[in-house]
Amino acid sequence: MALAAPPDLTDTDVPVQPLARTYPRGLFIEPHEHVWGQLLYAMSGVMWVETPHEALVVPPQRAVWLPPGVPHGIRVVSDLQMPISTCARRWRRRWMRRCR
């Protein structure tokens, strides 16, 4: 099965980093975690997202939020177009305080 390396998200001075990926059916992204939170959106295609406590099927036009530090792996069930929005932990806390 094909493997994909996760993007480099080490620059925590940038509050939000957009990223877009296209993955072929059958690809497996090994479990990993980030200091960033991630919103994974299935623009088209289907992905299976596994965390230590649950597995989620993400169909087209749906998204899943992964908080910072949550280990996760992704199995691409069908050809996938996946925009990703990443949010630095310290910025997320600031925004959440302003929203209360």
Protein backbone atom coordinates (compact mmCIF):
# COMPACT_ATOMS: atom_id res chain seq x y z
CA MET A 1 0.00 0.00 0.00
CA ALA A 2 1.27 3.49 -0.83
CA LEU A 3 2.40 5.79 1.99
CA ALA A 4 2.30 9.59 2.24
CA ALA A 5 4.40 11.78 4.52
CA PRO A 6 2.46 14.36 6.51
CA PRO A 7 3.21 18.03 5.76
CA ASP A 8 5.74 19.97 7.84
CA LEU A 9 3.76 22.02 10.35
CA THR A 10 6.57 23.09 12.64
CA ASP A 11 6.22 26.86 12.09
CA THR A 12 3.85 27.71 14.93
CA ASP A 13 4.22 31.49 14.39
CA VAL A 14 1.76 31.29 11.51
CA PRO A 15 -1.78 31.03 12.96
CA VAL A 16 -3.45 29.16 10.07
CA GLN A 17 -1.86 27.21 7.26
CA PRO A 18 -3.99 26.14 4.31
CA LEU A 19 -2.95 23.08 2.37
CA ALA A 20 -4.56 21.08 -0.42
CA ARG A 21 -3.76 17.49 -1.27
CA THR A 22 -4.98 14.97 -3.81
CA TYR A 23 -4.54 11.34 -2.81
CA PRO A 24 -5.19 8.18 -4.84
CA ARG A 25 -7.44 5.37 -3.68
CA GLY A 26 -5.59 2.90 -1.47
CA LEU A 27 -3.11 5.38 -0.01
CA PHE A 28 -2.37 5.03 3.72
CA ILE A 29 -0.93 7.85 5.81
CA GLU A 30 0.75 6.34 8.85
CA PRO A 31 -0.48 7.42 12.30
CA HIS A 32 1.12 10.69 13.39
CA GLU A 33 0.21 13.80 15.38
CA HIS A 34 0.78 17.54 15.16
CA VAL A 35 1.11 20.50 17.51
CA TRP A 36 -1.50 22.00 15.16
CA GLY A 37 -5.22 21.31 15.08
CA GLN A 38 -6.43 20.19 11.67
CA LEU A 39 -9.71 20.46 9.83
CA LEU A 40 -9.68 17.71 7.20
CA TYR A 41 -12.31 18.22 4.49
CA ALA A 42 -13.25 15.64 1.87
CA MET A 43 -14.01 17.86 -1.10
CA SER A 44 -14.46 14.72 -3.18
CA GLY A 45 -13.75 11.11 -2.36
CA VAL A 46 -13.92 9.25 0.92
CA MET A 47 -11.37 8.88 3.72
CA TRP A 48 -11.22 6.74 6.84
CA VAL A 49 -9.64 8.64 9.77
CA GLU A 50 -8.42 6.56 12.71
CA THR A 51 -7.61 7.95 16.16
CA PRO A 52 -6.81 5.97 19.33
CA HIS A 53 -10.47 6.19 20.42
CA GLU A 54 -12.50 6.07 17.23
CA ALA A 55 -12.56 5.57 13.49
CA LEU A 56 -14.50 7.96 11.30
CA VAL A 57 -15.67 7.60 7.72
CA VAL A 58 -15.54 11.04 6.10
CA PRO A 59 -17.68 11.15 2.94
CA PRO A 60 -17.61 13.88 0.29
CA GLN A 61 -18.56 17.39 1.46
CA ARG A 62 -17.88 16.51 5.10
CA ALA A 63 -15.02 17.34 7.46
CA VAL A 64 -13.45 16.16 10.69
CA TRP A 65 -11.68 18.31 13.33
CA LEU A 66 -8.52 16.85 14.87
CA PRO A 67 -7.38 18.79 17.96
CA PRO A 68 -3.65 19.35 18.50
CA GLY A 69 -1.82 16.29 19.78
CA VAL A 70 -4.38 13.69 18.64
CA PRO A 71 -2.65 10.76 16.89
CA HIS A 72 -4.38 9.92 13.62
CA GLY A 73 -3.90 7.91 10.45
CA ILE A 74 -5.80 8.21 7.18
CA ARG A 75 -6.87 5.55 4.71
CA VAL A 76 -8.01 6.84 1.33
CA VAL A 77 -11.07 4.80 0.32
CA SER A 78 -11.60 6.51 -3.05
CA ASP A 79 -9.64 9.17 -4.95
CA LEU A 80 -9.61 12.10 -2.56
CA GLN A 81 -9.33 15.88 -2.89
CA MET A 82 -8.62 17.11 0.61
CA PRO A 83 -8.16 20.76 1.56
CA ILE A 84 -6.69 21.01 5.05
CA SER A 85 -6.79 23.99 7.38
CA THR A 86 -4.31 23.85 10.23
CA CYS A 87 -4.55 26.04 13.29
CA ALA A 88 -1.71 26.67 15.74
CA ARG A 89 -2.65 25.76 19.32
CA ARG A 90 -1.78 29.12 20.83
CA TRP A 91 -3.83 30.99 18.23
CA ARG A 92 -6.80 28.67 18.65
CA ARG A 93 -6.89 29.48 22.36
CA ARG A 94 -6.92 33.24 21.63
CA TRP A 95 -9.74 32.90 19.12
CA MET A 96 -11.79 30.72 21.46
CA ARG A 97 -11.51 33.32 24.27
CA ARG A 98 -12.75 36.04 21.89
CA CYS A 99 -15.73 33.91 20.82
CA ARG A 100 -17.06 33.41 24.38
